[in-house]
C-alpha atoms as a PDB file:
ATOM      1  CA  MET A   1     103.850  67.152 147.051  1.00  0.00           C
ATOM      2  CA  LYS A   2     101.672  64.249 148.172  1.00  0.00           C
ATOM      3  CA  LYS A   3      99.257  64.921 145.301  1.00  0.00           C
ATOM      4  CA  LEU A   4     102.132  64.882 142.823  1.00  0.00           C
ATOM      5  CA  ILE A   5     103.396  61.560 144.189  1.00  0.00           C
ATOM      6  CA  LEU A   6      99.863  60.108 143.977  1.00  0.00           C
ATOM      7  CA  LEU A   7      99.454  61.232 140.361  1.00  0.00           C
ATOM      8  CA  LEU A   8     102.826  59.777 139.408  1.00  0.00           C
ATOM      9  CA  ALA A   9     101.904  56.489 141.089  1.00  0.00           C
ATOM     10  CA  LEU A  10      98.579  56.337 139.248  1.00  0.00           C
ATOM     11  CA  ALA A  11     100.267  57.119 135.938  1.00  0.00           C
ATOM     12  CA  ALA A  12     102.787  54.361 136.516  1.00  0.00           C
ATOM     13  CA  THR A  13      99.998  51.913 137.406  1.00  0.00           C
ATOM     14  CA  PHE A  14      97.999  52.717 134.266  1.00  0.00           C
ATOM     15  CA  GLY A  15     101.134  52.431 132.157  1.00  0.00           C
ATOM     16  CA  ALA A  16     101.972  49.056 133.631  1.00  0.00           C
ATOM     17  CA  THR A  17      98.399  47.855 133.112  1.00  0.00           C
ATOM     18  CA  ALA A  18      98.412  48.937 129.473  1.00  0.00           C
ATOM     19  CA  GLN A  19     101.764  47.252 128.920  1.00  0.00           C
ATOM     20  CA  THR A  20     100.561  44.066 130.618  1.00  0.00           C
ATOM     21  CA  LYS A  21      97.363  44.034 128.521  1.00  0.00           C
ATOM     22  CA  SER A  22      99.367  44.535 125.324  1.00  0.00           C
ATOM     23  CA  GLU A  23     101.749  41.742 126.273  1.00  0.00           C
ATOM     24  CA  LEU A  24      98.867  39.412 127.137  1.00  0.00           C
ATOM     25  CA  THR A  25      97.195  40.151 123.814  1.00  0.00           C
ATOM     26  CA  LYS A  26     100.395  39.305 121.930  1.00  0.00           C
ATOM     27  CA  HIS A  27     100.787  36.148 124.004  1.00  0.00           C
ATOM     28  CA  PHE A  28      97.274  34.877 123.261  1.00  0.00           C
ATOM     29  CA  GLU A  29      97.522  35.810 119.584  1.00  0.00           C
ATOM     30  CA  ALA A  30     100.650  33.653 119.385  1.00  0.00           C
ATOM     31  CA  TYR A  31      98.943  30.951 121.443  1.00  0.00           C
ATOM     32  CA  TYR A  32      95.940  31.025 119.091  1.00  0.00           C
ATOM     33  CA  LYS A  33      98.170  30.554 116.035  1.00  0.00           C
ATOM     34  CA  GLN A  34     100.009  27.681 117.692  1.00  0.00           C
ATOM     35  CA  MET A  35      96.826  25.880 118.773  1.00  0.00           C
ATOM     36  CA  LYS A  36      95.360  26.353 115.297  1.00  0.00           C
ATOM     37  CA  SER A  37      98.477  24.884 113.672  1.00  0.00           C
ATOM     38  CA  GLN A  38      98.265  21.876 116.012  1.00  0.00           C
ATOM     39  CA  GLY A  39      94.570  21.353 115.338  1.00  0.00           C
ATOM     40  CA  ASP A  40      93.838  21.777 119.049  1.00  0.00           C
ATOM     41  CA  VAL A  41      90.222  23.001 119.011  1.00  0.00           C
ATOM     42  CA  GLN A  42      89.933  23.488 122.762  1.00  0.00           C
ATOM     43  CA  GLY A  43      93.178  25.467 122.712  1.00  0.00           C
ATOM     44  CA  VAL A  44      91.776  27.673 119.948  1.00  0.00           C
ATOM     45  CA  ILE A  45      88.604  28.225 122.004  1.00  0.00           C
ATOM     46  CA  ASN A  46      90.635  29.139 125.091  1.00  0.00           C
ATOM     47  CA  ALA A  47      92.818  31.573 123.136  1.00  0.00           C
ATOM     48  CA  MET A  48      89.837  33.209 121.429  1.00  0.00           C
ATOM     49  CA  THR A  49      88.028  33.580 124.765  1.00  0.00           C
ATOM     50  CA  HIS A  50      91.023  35.304 126.360  1.00  0.00           C
ATOM     51  CA  LEU A  51      91.484  37.582 123.352  1.00  0.00           C
ATOM     52  CA  ASN A  52      87.838  38.604 123.494  1.00  0.00           C
ATOM     53  CA  VAL A  53      88.181  39.464 127.186  1.00  0.00           C
ATOM     54  CA  LEU A  54      91.244  41.573 126.432  1.00  0.00           C
ATOM     55  CA  GLN A  55      89.894  43.152 123.242  1.00  0.00           C
ATOM     56  CA  PRO A  56      86.142  42.515 122.945  1.00  0.00           C
ATOM     57  CA  SER A  57      84.722  42.383 119.429  1.00  0.00           C
ATOM     58  CA  GLN A  58      81.652  40.941 117.762  1.00  0.00           C
ATOM     59  CA  ALA A  59      83.826  39.305 115.118  1.00  0.00           C
ATOM     60  CA  ARG A  60      85.642  37.325 117.814  1.00  0.00           C
ATOM     61  CA  LEU A  61      82.354  36.291 119.418  1.00  0.00           C
ATOM     62  CA  ASP A  62      80.992  35.170 116.031  1.00  0.00           C
ATOM     63  CA  THR A  63      84.138  33.130 115.358  1.00  0.00           C
ATOM     64  CA  LEU A  64      84.090  31.586 118.830  1.00  0.00           C
ATOM     65  CA  ALA A  65      80.431  30.591 118.466  1.00  0.00           C
ATOM     66  CA  TYR A  66      81.137  29.136 115.012  1.00  0.00           C
ATOM     67  CA  ILE A  67      83.877  26.938 116.470  1.00  0.00           C
ATOM     68  CA  TYR A  68      81.530  25.738 119.216  1.00  0.00           C
ATOM     69  CA  ALA A  69      78.833  24.887 116.651  1.00  0.00           C
ATOM     70  CA  SER A  70      81.378  23.085 114.447  1.00  0.00           C
ATOM     71  CA  GLU A  71      82.197  20.896 117.449  1.00  0.00           C
ATOM     72  CA  ASN A  72      78.481  20.241 118.076  1.00  0.00           C
ATOM     73  CA  ARG A  73      78.667  22.289 121.284  1.00  0.00           C
ATOM     74  CA  ASN A  74      75.497  24.083 120.299  1.00  0.00           C
ATOM     75  CA  LEU A  75      74.342  25.313 123.690  1.00  0.00           C
ATOM     76  CA  GLU A  76      77.722  26.990 124.227  1.00  0.00           C
ATOM     77  CA  ALA A  77      77.442  28.546 120.767  1.00  0.00           C
ATOM     78  CA  LEU A  78      74.069  30.045 121.639  1.00  0.00           C
ATOM     79  CA  ASN A  79      75.259  31.166 125.074  1.00  0.00           C
ATOM     80  CA  THR A  80      78.026  33.047 123.279  1.00  0.00           C
ATOM     81  CA  LEU A  81      75.713  34.844 120.829  1.00  0.00           C
ATOM     82  CA  GLY A  82      72.220  34.667 122.316  1.00  0.00           C
ATOM     83  CA  ILE A  83      69.157  33.806 120.226  1.00  0.00           C
ATOM     84  CA  ASP A  84      67.869  37.268 119.375  1.00  0.00           C
ATOM     85  CA  GLN A  85      67.598  38.253 115.723  1.00  0.00           C
ATOM     86  CA  ASN A  86      69.226  41.569 114.875  1.00  0.00           C
ATOM     87  CA  PRO A  87      69.361  43.173 111.423  1.00  0.00           C
ATOM     88  CA  THR A  88      73.062  43.916 111.937  1.00  0.00           C
ATOM     89  CA  ASP A  89      73.990  40.259 112.575  1.00  0.00           C
ATOM     90  CA  THR A  90      76.646  38.929 110.221  1.00  0.00           C
ATOM     91  CA  ASP A  91      75.982  35.923 107.999  1.00  0.00           C
ATOM     92  CA  MET A  92      78.225  33.836 110.273  1.00  0.00           C
ATOM     93  CA  ASN A  93      76.301  34.925 113.365  1.00  0.00           C
ATOM     94  CA  THR A  94      72.972  34.111 111.724  1.00  0.00           C
ATOM     95  CA  GLU A  95      74.199  30.762 110.401  1.00  0.00           C
ATOM     96  CA  VAL A  96      75.487  29.677 113.819  1.00  0.00           C
ATOM     97  CA  LYS A  97      72.140  30.465 115.445  1.00  0.00           C
ATOM     98  CA  ALA A  98      70.301  28.551 112.712  1.00  0.00           C
ATOM     99  CA  ILE A  99      72.553  25.466 112.931  1.00  0.00           C
ATOM    100  CA  ALA A 100      72.628  25.390 116.737  1.00  0.00           C
ATOM    101  CA  LEU A 101      68.867  25.789 117.174  1.00  0.00           C
ATOM    102  CA  LYS A 102      68.181  23.071 114.593  1.00  0.00           C
ATOM    103  CA  ALA A 103      70.614  20.725 116.338  1.00  0.00           C
ATOM    104  CA  LEU A 104      68.899  21.446 119.677  1.00  0.00           C
ATOM    105  CA  ASN A 105      65.547  20.433 118.144  1.00  0.00           C
ATOM    106  CA  GLN A 106      64.111  23.941 118.024  1.00  0.00           C
ATOM    107  CA  PRO A 107      62.792  23.945 114.422  1.00  0.00           C
ATOM    108  CA  GLN A 108      60.503  26.962 114.718  1.00  0.00           C
ATOM    109  CA  ARG A 109      63.267  29.150 116.143  1.00  0.00           C
ATOM    110  CA  ALA A 110      65.835  27.802 113.694  1.00  0.00           C
ATOM    111  CA  LEU A 111      63.542  28.659 110.766  1.00  0.00           C
ATOM    112  CA  VAL A 112      63.730  32.362 111.594  1.00  0.00           C
ATOM    113  CA  PHE A 113      67.477  32.390 111.002  1.00  0.00           C
ATOM    114  CA  TYR A 114      67.493  30.035 108.001  1.00  0.00           C
ATOM    115  CA  GLU A 115      64.875  32.187 106.297  1.00  0.00           C
ATOM    116  CA  GLU A 116      66.950  35.290 107.012  1.00  0.00           C
ATOM    117  CA  LEU A 117      69.949  33.618 105.373  1.00  0.00           C
ATOM    118  CA  PHE A 118      67.739  32.678 102.403  1.00  0.00           C
ATOM    119  CA  LYS A 119      66.666  36.321 102.030  1.00  0.00           C
ATOM    120  CA  ARG A 120      70.298  37.398 101.965  1.00  0.00           C
ATOM    121  CA  SER A 121      71.519  34.726  99.551  1.00  0.00           C
ATOM    122  CA  ALA A 122      68.994  32.208  98.261  1.00  0.00           C
ATOM    123  CA  ASN A 123      70.388  28.828  97.218  1.00  0.00           C
ATOM    124  CA  SER A 124      69.387  25.168  97.043  1.00  0.00           C
ATOM    125  CA  TYR A 125      71.242  24.212 100.226  1.00  0.00           C
ATOM    126  CA  LEU A 126      69.229  26.672 102.294  1.00  0.00           C
ATOM    127  CA  ALA A 127      66.061  25.649 100.448  1.00  0.00           C
ATOM    128  CA  TYR A 128      66.659  22.065 101.623  1.00  0.00           C
ATOM    129  CA  GLU A 129      67.228  23.096 105.252  1.00  0.00           C
ATOM    130  CA  ILE A 130      64.129  25.286 105.331  1.00  0.00           C
ATOM    131  CA  ALA A 131      61.981  22.604 103.687  1.00  0.00           C
ATOM    132  CA  ASP A 132      63.206  20.023 106.197  1.00  0.00           C
ATOM    133  CA  LEU A 133      62.289  22.301 109.118  1.00  0.00           C
ATOM    134  CA  LYS A 134      58.914  23.199 107.611  1.00  0.00           C
ATOM    135  CA  ILE A 135      58.080  19.494 107.325  1.00  0.00           C
ATOM    136  CA  GLN A 136      58.817  19.188 111.045  1.00  0.00           C
ATOM    137  CA  THR A 137      56.538  22.150 111.829  1.00  0.00           C
ATOM    138  CA  LYS A 138      53.762  20.783 109.546  1.00  0.00           C
ATOM    139  CA  ASP A 139      53.988  23.646 107.042  1.00  0.00           C
ATOM    140  CA  LEU A 140      53.824  21.339 104.031  1.00  0.00           C
ATOM    141  CA  ALA A 141      52.893  24.036 101.525  1.00  0.00           C
ATOM    142  CA  GLY A 142      55.871  26.127 102.605  1.00  0.00           C
ATOM    143  CA  ALA A 143      58.130  23.080 102.475  1.00  0.00           C
ATOM    144  CA  LYS A 144      56.950  22.236  98.941  1.00  0.00           C
ATOM    145  CA  ALA A 145      57.650  25.784  97.740  1.00  0.00           C
ATOM    146  CA  LYS A 146      61.235  25.586  98.991  1.00  0.00           C
ATOM    147  CA  VAL A 147      61.803  22.119  97.482  1.00  0.00           C
ATOM    148  CA  ASP A 148      60.476  23.356  94.144  1.00  0.00           C
ATOM    149  CA  TYR A 149      62.900  26.293  94.302  1.00  0.00           C
ATOM    150  CA  GLY A 150      65.753  23.973  95.243  1.00  0.00           C
ATOM    151  CA  LEU A 151      65.112  21.556  92.385  1.00  0.00           C
ATOM    152  CA  VAL A 152      64.957  24.363  89.818  1.00  0.00           C
ATOM    153  CA  ASN A 153      68.237  25.908  91.028  1.00  0.00           C
ATOM    154  CA  VAL A 154      70.283  22.907  92.161  1.00  0.00           C
ATOM    155  CA  LYS A 155      73.665  22.309  90.505  1.00  0.00           C
ATOM    156  CA  PRO A 156      74.863  18.804  89.500  1.00  0.00           C
ATOM    157  CA  GLU A 157      77.961  18.966  91.706  1.00  0.00           C
ATOM    158  CA  GLU A 158      76.119  19.948  94.895  1.00  0.00           C
ATOM    159  CA  LYS A 159      75.979  17.310  97.625  1.00  0.00           C
ATOM    160  CA  ARG A 160      74.198  16.750 100.923  1.00  0.00           C
ATOM    161  CA  ALA A 161      75.628  14.694 103.799  1.00  0.00           C
ATOM    162  CA  TYR A 162      73.625  12.285 105.989  1.00  0.00           C
ATOM    163  CA  TYR A 163      74.622  10.805 109.337  1.00  0.00           C
ATOM    164  CA  GLU A 164      71.797   8.453 110.339  1.00  0.00           C
ATOM    165  CA  SER A 165      73.777   5.308 109.510  1.00  0.00           C
ATOM    166  CA  GLN A 166      76.970   4.073 111.154  1.00  0.00           C
ATOM    167  CA  ARG A 167      78.943   5.471 108.250  1.00  0.00           C
ATOM    168  CA  PRO A 168      78.136   9.018 107.119  1.00  0.00           C
ATOM    169  CA  TYR A 169      77.565   9.335 103.382  1.00  0.00           C
ATOM    170  CA  GLU A 170      76.846  11.946 100.729  1.00  0.00           C
ATOM    171  CA  VAL A 171      74.219  12.062  98.027  1.00  0.00           C
ATOM    172  CA  SER A 172      73.481  14.595  95.320  1.00  0.00           C
ATOM    173  CA  LEU A 173      71.522  17.580  96.585  1.00  0.00           C
ATOM    174  CA  LYS A 174      69.023  16.912  93.783  1.00  0.00           C
ATOM    175  CA  GLY A 175      68.441  13.435  95.188  1.00  0.00           C
ATOM    176  CA  ALA A 176      68.093  14.860  98.701  1.00  0.00           C
ATOM    177  CA  LEU A 177      65.505  17.406  97.537  1.00  0.00           C
ATOM    178  CA  THR A 178      63.630  14.672  95.636  1.00  0.00           C
ATOM    179  CA  TYR A 179      63.539  12.647  98.851  1.00  0.00           C
ATOM    180  CA  LEU A 180      61.984  15.590 100.706  1.00  0.00           C
ATOM    181  CA  LYS A 181      59.487  16.061  97.873  1.00  0.00           C
ATOM    182  CA  ALA A 182      58.385  12.449  98.381  1.00  0.00           C
ATOM    183  CA  LEU A 183      57.911  12.982 102.121  1.00  0.00           C
ATOM    184  CA  ILE A 184      55.893  16.145 101.559  1.00  0.00           C
ATOM    185  CA  LEU A 185      53.657  14.507  98.946  1.00  0.00           C
ATOM    186  CA  PHE A 186      53.017  11.501 101.175  1.00  0.00           C
ATOM    187  CA  ASN A 187      52.170  13.639 104.200  1.00  0.00           C
ATOM    188  CA  MET A 188      49.774  15.758 102.179  1.00  0.00           C
ATOM    189  CA  ASN A 189      47.636  12.685 101.483  1.00  0.00           C
ATOM    190  CA  GLN A 190      48.914   9.363 102.797  1.00  0.00           C
ATOM    191  CA  THR A 191      46.381   7.358 100.780  1.00  0.00           C
ATOM    192  CA  ASP A 192      46.048   9.034  97.411  1.00  0.00           C
ATOM    193  CA  ASN A 193      49.717  10.048  97.129  1.00  0.00           C
ATOM    194  CA  LEU A 194      51.268   6.767  98.262  1.00  0.00           C
ATOM    195  CA  ASP A 195      52.252   5.501  94.796  1.00  0.00           C
ATOM    196  CA  ALA A 196      53.542   8.910  93.683  1.00  0.00           C
ATOM    197  CA  ALA A 197      55.687   9.181  96.826  1.00  0.00           C
ATOM    198  CA  ILE A 198      57.195   5.744  96.177  1.00  0.00           C
ATOM    199  CA  GLY A 199      57.904   6.818  92.604  1.00  0.00           C
ATOM    200  CA  LEU A 200      59.783   9.904  93.823  1.00  0.00           C
ATOM    201  CA  LEU A 201      61.830   7.781  96.218  1.00  0.00           C
ATOM    202  CA  ASP A 202      62.712   5.555  93.256  1.00  0.00           C
ATOM    203  CA  GLU A 203      63.928   8.687  91.464  1.00  0.00           C
ATOM    204  CA  ALA A 204      66.087   9.633  94.452  1.00  0.00           C
ATOM    205  CA  LEU A 205      67.566   6.135  94.573  1.00  0.00           C
ATOM    206  CA  ALA A 206      68.197   6.179  90.822  1.00  0.00           C
ATOM    207  CA  LEU A 207      70.295   9.294  91.385  1.00  0.00           C
ATOM    208  CA  ASP A 208      72.111   7.815  94.408  1.00  0.00           C
ATOM    209  CA  ALA A 209      71.900   4.072  94.996  1.00  0.00           C
ATOM    210  CA  ASN A 210      73.612   4.523  98.393  1.00  0.00           C
ATOM    211  CA  PHE A 211      70.854   6.824  99.679  1.00  0.00           C
ATOM    212  CA  ASN A 212      70.091   4.802 102.810  1.00  0.00           C
ATOM    213  CA  LEU A 213      67.396   7.121 104.187  1.00  0.00           C
ATOM    214  CA  ALA A 214      65.479   7.068 100.910  1.00  0.00           C
ATOM    215  CA  LYS A 215      65.683   3.264 100.833  1.00  0.00           C
ATOM    216  CA  ILE A 216      64.372   2.979 104.408  1.00  0.00           C
ATOM    217  CA  SER A 217      61.510   5.349 103.575  1.00  0.00           C
ATOM    218  CA  LYS A 218      60.657   3.486 100.374  1.00  0.00           C
ATOM    219  CA  ASP A 219      60.616   0.126 102.181  1.00  0.00           C
ATOM    220  CA  ALA A 220      58.256   1.586 104.799  1.00  0.00           C
ATOM    221  CA  LEU A 221      55.875   2.962 102.159  1.00  0.00           C
ATOM    222  CA  VAL A 222      55.937  -0.257 100.134  1.00  0.00           C
ATOM    223  CA  ALA A 223      55.117  -2.206 103.312  1.00  0.00           C
ATOM    224  CA  LYS A 224      52.265   0.197 103.993  1.00  0.00           C
ATOM    225  CA  LYS A 225      50.946  -0.280 100.445  1.00  0.00           C
ATOM    226  CA  GLU A 226      51.188  -4.085 100.621  1.00  0.00           C
ATOM    227  CA  GLY A 227      49.444  -4.060 103.979  1.00  0.00           C
ATOM    228  CA  LYS A 228      46.470  -2.368 102.396  1.00  0.00           C
ATOM    229  CA  GLN A 229      46.160  -4.829  99.523  1.00  0.00           C
END
């Protein structure tokens, strides 16, 4: 009799737990939708975290990490996903790791994930990102190869945003790639390639007169040239 009572009590407990979990899941799904409609990013993060605890899934983790990275909370994004490279990682997972590691000034580690994305779906945007990172890691030949690919495949409507000035601005991706080409050429030989690098910066500015970073770089190279005369 005691065993029967114990079994009934356990069954009731498990049933109540399952019901509570189901109710909590519905609550946080509704909460997630509400926070999303209000544009409350922290609310969305809280809801997604609770949902993942209740019903763990890699898709939820990927989405949560993507939200963190979108808010420039890159360390939290990486803590959510880790920094290991796995062949089964989704494109979103791989992209988050690439973006977060680049933002945290880890170019060599970021390159691993950007190059994986490039293998999966090569395009001029990724070519730019990889070239930029390869310049930072002193792989100028590798950077040049990616810029060359980018310039051959870039589309007229593609843009690239910059944030170094007080007001963010956009330039054509072709102009951005031309700017990188100038930097690579100059760093390959700062004496012999000085004039050619200035010429490429002129090309970038002809494409986008508001390209502040190209203008700053050109002014620096012109000053360097005049200092040698």
